[in-house]
Amino acid sequence: MATDGGALATLHVCHNPDLSHFSAEEEGEERAEMYDIDDGIPWEDNIWLANIIKNLHDYHSAVPSGEHHTNEGQEIDISHEAMLESVHGGSMMHQGIRITWLLLNKVYPGHSVSIREVEEFVENCAVCQKCRYGLRDTLTPEVRALKPTDNRHLLGVDVVPVTPHSKDGYTAIITMVNQFTHFIYLYPVKEANSRSMCQAIMAYISNFGLVDQIISDPGTENLNQAVKDLNACLGIRHVVSLTDVHTSCGVENTNRQIIDHLTALTSDLRLKD
C-alpha cells in the first residue's frame, strides 16, 4: 500500500479474480491478496480487516470503469472521503475522532488525511449526530424559579397577618426565608409598617449576617423611604416581585405552613389569644 502524497491514496492491485464462486472465508483471503494487505494476523481472527477490505471492494466495484481501472498490475486512487468512509460507520461502527484516526493510520499507512479532516468527517456524520452526540447543544432553558448561588445571596420577605390578635397586641408575623438554605426566620410585630420592617431586617442581619438581595412584594411596608435608606446603608439590593404573582417572592408556601401550624397549635392547646 502506498500514497501519492496528494489528495488520493493509492492501492496496488496484485490480481483481480472473479470472487463469485468463493466461500466467505476464501473471498476474504482473495481480497486481502488482491489489495496486497497483510498485517501478520490470521485471517479468521482479523474481523476488522475483513470489513475494511469488503468496504474497499464495494467502493471499487461502484466506480465507473472509465474513471478507475482495477486490472491486474494497475493502481487504484482512493479519495480522502472514501478512505474515511471505509474506516467509519457500518460494520466498522461509528467510533470517535481518535479511534477513526488510528484505524486510518493502520489501514492506510502514509496517507495524507489530516486530523482536522477526520474531525470534520466525524462531526458531520449524520448517524453520529443522532446516536452518539444526541442533543448535546440544546439551548439552556430559562430559569423561572429562585435559584441563588449561595446562602448569602437572596432573602425572601413577606408579612403574614394573624387573627385573632394576641393579648400582647401582636397582629402579624414578618417571614424571612433564605432562598438557598430555606432557613425560616419569624419576627412578630404589632403593626406591619416601615418601622417594624426595618427592625425585622436588622434582627435577621444581626443574627445571621448580611445578604446581597432582599425580595418582597410591592407592599407599603416594604416600599418606603425608611426601608430604602436602610438597604442603601447596608449595601442590600431590594428586588420587588411581580404584581399579582403571589409566589414570586418565594415565601408564600412558607406562609401557608405557618398558618397551618398555628391553627393546629391553637386548636390543640385551646389558646384564645
Protein backbone atom coordinates (compact mmCIF):
# COMPACT_ATOMS: atom_id res chain seq x y z
CA MET A 1 0.00 0.00 0.00
CA ALA A 2 1.38 3.41 -0.94
CA THR A 3 0.33 7.01 -1.27
CA ASP A 4 0.85 9.61 -3.94
CA GLY A 5 1.28 12.47 -1.43
CA GLY A 6 -1.79 14.35 -2.69
CA ALA A 7 -5.49 14.12 -2.05
CA LEU A 8 -5.65 10.47 -3.07
CA ALA A 9 -4.23 7.27 -1.63
CA THR A 10 -3.08 4.52 -3.97
CA LEU A 11 -3.69 0.77 -3.63
CA HIS A 12 -1.74 -1.67 -5.75
CA VAL A 13 -3.92 -4.35 -7.37
CA CYS A 14 -1.97 -7.60 -7.44
CA HIS A 15 -4.67 -9.50 -9.26
CA ASN A 16 -8.41 -9.15 -9.91
CA PRO A 17 -10.11 -12.54 -9.60
CA ASP A 18 -13.77 -13.42 -10.01
CA LEU A 19 -14.97 -13.75 -6.39
CA SER A 20 -18.48 -15.02 -7.11
CA HIS A 21 -17.62 -18.71 -6.72
CA PHE A 22 -15.59 -18.35 -3.49
CA SER A 23 -16.85 -19.03 0.02
CA ALA A 24 -16.90 -16.18 2.56
CA GLU A 25 -13.51 -17.14 4.02
CA GLU A 26 -11.93 -17.73 0.62
CA GLU A 27 -13.40 -14.45 -0.68
CA GLY A 28 -11.79 -12.54 2.19
CA GLU A 29 -8.42 -14.17 1.57
CA GLU A 30 -8.62 -13.38 -2.12
CA ARG A 31 -9.47 -9.74 -1.42
CA ALA A 32 -6.56 -9.43 1.00
CA GLU A 33 -4.24 -10.85 -1.61
CA MET A 34 -5.86 -8.68 -4.29
CA TYR A 35 -5.01 -5.47 -2.40
CA ASP A 36 -1.70 -6.77 -1.07
CA ILE A 37 -2.79 -6.36 2.58
CA ASP A 38 -1.09 -8.49 5.21
CA ASP A 39 -0.54 -7.39 8.80
CA GLY A 40 0.54 -10.78 10.15
CA ILE A 41 -2.80 -11.61 11.80
CA PRO A 42 -4.60 -14.86 10.84
CA TRP A 43 -7.48 -14.07 8.53
CA GLU A 44 -10.15 -15.72 10.69
CA ASP A 45 -9.09 -13.51 13.68
CA ASN A 46 -8.85 -10.26 11.73
CA ILE A 47 -12.54 -9.32 11.55
CA TRP A 48 -11.97 -5.58 11.36
CA LEU A 49 -9.61 -6.04 8.37
CA ALA A 50 -12.21 -8.19 6.64
CA ASN A 51 -14.73 -5.38 6.97
CA ILE A 52 -12.23 -2.83 5.68
CA ILE A 53 -11.44 -4.88 2.61
CA LYS A 54 -15.12 -5.54 1.94
CA ASN A 55 -15.86 -1.79 2.10
CA LEU A 56 -12.96 -1.08 -0.26
CA HIS A 57 -14.07 -3.72 -2.71
CA ASP A 58 -17.65 -2.43 -2.69
CA TYR A 59 -16.36 1.08 -3.32
CA HIS A 60 -14.15 -0.02 -6.22
CA SER A 61 -16.97 -2.02 -7.75
CA ALA A 62 -19.21 1.08 -7.77
CA VAL A 63 -16.64 3.26 -9.58
CA PRO A 64 -17.30 3.55 -13.34
CA SER A 65 -14.80 1.62 -15.36
CA GLY A 66 -13.84 4.73 -17.31
CA GLU A 67 -12.57 6.52 -14.18
CA HIS A 68 -10.51 3.86 -12.43
CA HIS A 69 -9.11 0.62 -13.71
CA THR A 70 -8.79 -2.43 -11.50
CA ASN A 71 -6.91 -4.62 -13.89
CA GLU A 72 -4.09 -6.69 -12.59
CA GLY A 73 -0.83 -4.78 -12.22
CA GLN A 74 -2.51 -1.35 -12.10
CA GLU A 75 -3.22 1.02 -9.23
CA ILE A 76 -6.40 2.48 -7.70
CA ASP A 77 -6.66 6.05 -6.44
CA ILE A 78 -8.87 6.49 -3.35
CA SER A 79 -10.13 9.87 -2.20
CA HIS A 80 -9.92 11.01 1.40
CA GLU A 81 -13.67 10.69 1.76
CA ALA A 82 -13.59 7.09 0.54
CA MET A 83 -10.81 6.23 2.98
CA LEU A 84 -12.74 7.77 5.87
CA GLU A 85 -15.95 6.01 4.88
CA SER A 86 -14.12 2.68 4.85
CA VAL A 87 -12.98 3.04 8.49
CA HIS A 88 -16.01 4.84 9.94
CA GLY A 89 -19.57 3.58 10.00
CA GLY A 90 -21.29 0.37 9.00
CA SER A 91 -19.64 -2.75 10.34
CA MET A 92 -16.68 -0.62 11.49
CA MET A 93 -19.02 1.17 13.92
CA HIS A 94 -19.24 4.91 14.44
CA GLN A 95 -16.14 5.50 16.53
CA GLY A 96 -14.82 8.81 17.78
CA ILE A 97 -12.19 11.02 16.19
CA ARG A 98 -9.20 9.31 17.82
CA ILE A 99 -10.28 5.73 17.02
CA THR A 100 -11.12 6.68 13.44
CA TRP A 101 -7.71 8.32 13.09
CA LEU A 102 -5.90 5.25 14.45
CA LEU A 103 -7.82 2.92 12.12
CA LEU A 104 -7.00 5.20 9.22
CA ASN A 105 -3.29 5.03 10.10
CA LYS A 106 -3.40 1.25 10.29
CA VAL A 107 -5.28 0.64 7.07
CA TYR A 108 -3.68 3.45 5.04
CA PRO A 109 -0.15 3.98 6.37
CA GLY A 110 1.40 7.11 4.93
CA HIS A 111 -1.95 8.65 3.98
CA SER A 112 -2.27 12.42 3.60
CA VAL A 113 -5.54 12.83 5.55
CA SER A 114 -5.17 15.45 8.28
CA ILE A 115 -6.62 15.06 11.76
CA ARG A 116 -8.75 18.11 11.01
CA GLU A 117 -10.37 16.29 8.09
CA VAL A 118 -11.10 13.32 10.35
CA GLU A 119 -12.64 15.62 12.94
CA GLU A 120 -14.85 17.33 10.35
CA PHE A 121 -15.91 13.99 8.90
CA VAL A 122 -16.93 12.59 12.29
CA GLU A 123 -18.64 15.82 13.35
CA ASN A 124 -20.67 15.89 10.10
CA CYS A 125 -21.64 12.21 10.28
CA ALA A 126 -25.46 12.13 10.48
CA VAL A 127 -25.53 8.85 12.43
CA CYS A 128 -23.03 10.16 15.00
CA GLN A 129 -25.07 13.33 15.44
CA LYS A 130 -28.21 11.30 16.04
CA CYS A 131 -26.94 8.36 18.10
CA ARG A 132 -23.65 9.39 19.74
CA TYR A 133 -23.98 13.10 20.31
CA GLY A 134 -27.73 13.41 20.78
CA LEU A 135 -28.94 16.89 21.67
CA ARG A 136 -25.76 17.99 23.39
CA ASP A 137 -26.03 21.55 22.05
CA THR A 138 -29.50 22.24 23.39
CA LEU A 139 -30.46 25.72 24.49
CA THR A 140 -30.29 26.45 28.19
CA PRO A 141 -33.88 26.70 29.47
CA GLU A 142 -35.00 29.92 31.07
CA VAL A 143 -34.93 29.65 34.86
CA ARG A 144 -38.33 30.52 36.28
CA ALA A 145 -37.51 29.75 39.90
CA LEU A 146 -35.47 31.45 42.61
CA LYS A 147 -32.09 29.70 42.46
CA PRO A 148 -29.44 31.74 44.30
CA THR A 149 -25.77 30.86 44.06
CA ASP A 150 -25.06 30.77 47.80
CA ASN A 151 -26.64 31.28 51.23
CA ARG A 152 -25.70 34.98 51.35
CA HIS A 153 -27.35 35.93 48.09
CA LEU A 154 -31.16 36.17 48.38
CA LEU A 155 -33.63 36.62 51.24
CA GLY A 156 -37.39 36.47 50.70
CA VAL A 157 -39.54 38.72 52.92
CA ASP A 158 -43.30 38.78 53.43
CA VAL A 159 -45.90 39.67 56.06
CA VAL A 160 -48.45 37.18 57.46
CA PRO A 161 -51.43 38.71 59.28
CA VAL A 162 -52.53 36.69 62.33
CA THR A 163 -56.11 36.62 63.63
CA PRO A 164 -57.21 36.82 66.29
CA HIS A 165 -54.58 39.16 67.68
CA SER A 166 -52.55 38.12 70.70
CA LYS A 167 -53.18 39.54 74.17
CA ASP A 168 -49.85 41.41 73.88
CA GLY A 169 -51.04 43.23 70.77
CA TYR A 170 -49.12 41.31 68.04
CA THR A 171 -51.08 41.32 64.79
CA ALA A 172 -48.68 39.94 62.19
CA ILE A 173 -45.51 37.95 61.57
CA ILE A 174 -42.73 39.06 59.21
CA THR A 175 -41.50 35.90 57.49
CA MET A 176 -37.95 35.75 56.16
CA VAL A 177 -36.77 32.77 54.11
CA ASN A 178 -33.22 32.20 52.93
CA GLN A 179 -33.77 31.08 49.32
CA PHE A 180 -30.63 28.92 49.27
CA THR A 181 -30.85 27.03 52.59
CA HIS A 182 -34.62 27.57 53.06
CA PHE A 183 -33.95 28.63 56.63
CA ILE A 184 -37.01 30.39 58.08
CA TYR A 185 -36.86 33.35 60.46
CA LEU A 186 -40.08 34.69 62.03
CA TYR A 187 -40.33 38.15 63.55
CA PRO A 188 -43.64 39.03 65.32
CA VAL A 189 -44.80 42.64 65.04
CA LYS A 190 -47.67 44.66 66.46
CA GLU A 191 -48.12 46.62 63.27
CA ALA A 192 -46.83 45.95 59.78
CA ASN A 193 -45.21 49.24 58.80
CA SER A 194 -41.86 50.66 57.75
CA ARG A 195 -40.52 50.75 61.32
CA SER A 196 -41.29 47.10 62.05
CA MET A 197 -39.88 46.02 58.67
CA CYS A 198 -36.58 47.82 59.38
CA GLN A 199 -36.44 46.21 62.82
CA ALA A 200 -37.02 42.75 61.29
CA ILE A 201 -34.28 43.25 58.70
CA MET A 202 -31.81 44.41 61.35
CA ALA A 203 -32.72 41.48 63.62
CA TYR A 204 -32.05 38.96 60.83
CA ILE A 205 -28.74 40.58 59.85
CA SER A 206 -27.61 40.78 63.47
CA ASN A 207 -28.20 37.05 63.94
CA PHE A 208 -27.24 35.56 60.58
CA GLY A 209 -25.23 38.14 58.65
CA LEU A 210 -25.68 40.31 55.58
CA VAL A 211 -27.29 39.24 52.31
CA ASP A 212 -26.89 40.60 48.79
CA GLN A 213 -30.56 40.95 47.90
CA ILE A 214 -33.98 41.12 49.52
CA ILE A 215 -37.06 40.24 47.50
CA SER A 216 -40.55 41.24 48.61
CA ASP A 217 -43.97 42.11 47.24
CA PRO A 218 -44.76 45.78 46.40
CA GLY A 219 -46.49 46.44 49.72
CA THR A 220 -46.33 49.78 51.52
CA GLU A 221 -44.46 48.24 54.45
CA ASN A 222 -41.71 47.19 52.01
CA LEU A 223 -41.56 50.11 49.60
CA ASN A 224 -40.96 53.18 51.72
CA GLN A 225 -38.17 55.62 52.36
CA ALA A 226 -37.09 54.07 55.69
CA VAL A 227 -36.51 50.62 54.20
CA LYS A 228 -34.86 52.18 51.16
CA ASP A 229 -32.43 54.13 53.34
CA LEU A 230 -31.64 51.08 55.47
CA ASN A 231 -30.88 48.94 52.40
CA ALA A 232 -28.70 51.69 50.94
CA CYS A 233 -26.77 51.96 54.22
CA LEU A 234 -26.20 48.18 54.42
CA GLY A 235 -25.49 47.74 50.69
CA ILE A 236 -28.50 45.49 50.11
CA ARG A 237 -30.32 45.44 46.78
CA HIS A 238 -34.10 45.40 47.08
CA VAL A 239 -35.89 43.41 44.36
CA VAL A 240 -39.67 43.73 44.03
CA SER A 241 -41.69 40.69 42.96
CA LEU A 242 -44.23 40.74 40.13
CA THR A 243 -47.59 42.31 40.80
CA ASP A 244 -50.45 39.81 41.27
CA VAL A 245 -47.98 36.89 41.25
CA HIS A 246 -48.06 35.97 44.91
CA THR A 247 -45.45 33.20 44.63
CA SER A 248 -42.72 35.32 43.04
CA CYS A 249 -41.03 36.27 46.32
CA GLY A 250 -40.54 32.64 47.37
CA VAL A 251 -42.26 32.94 50.79
CA GLU A 252 -45.92 32.09 50.13
CA ASN A 253 -45.52 28.36 50.64
CA THR A 254 -43.82 29.03 53.98
CA ASN A 255 -46.68 31.35 54.96
CA ARG A 256 -49.23 28.60 54.35
CA GLN A 257 -47.25 26.20 56.51
CA ILE A 258 -47.02 28.80 59.29
CA ILE A 259 -50.78 29.33 59.27
CA ASP A 260 -51.42 25.56 59.27
CA HIS A 261 -49.07 25.01 62.22
CA LEU A 262 -50.51 27.94 64.20
CA THR A 263 -54.04 26.71 63.57
CA ALA A 264 -53.16 23.21 64.77
CA LEU A 265 -51.24 24.57 67.78
CA THR A 266 -54.04 26.86 68.98
CA SER A 267 -56.63 24.12 68.48
CA ASP A 268 -54.59 21.57 70.40
CA LEU A 269 -53.70 23.85 73.32
CA ARG A 270 -57.08 25.62 73.39
CA LEU A 271 -55.44 29.02 73.05
CA LYS A 272 -57.71 32.03 72.65
CA ASP A 273 -55.14 34.79 72.03
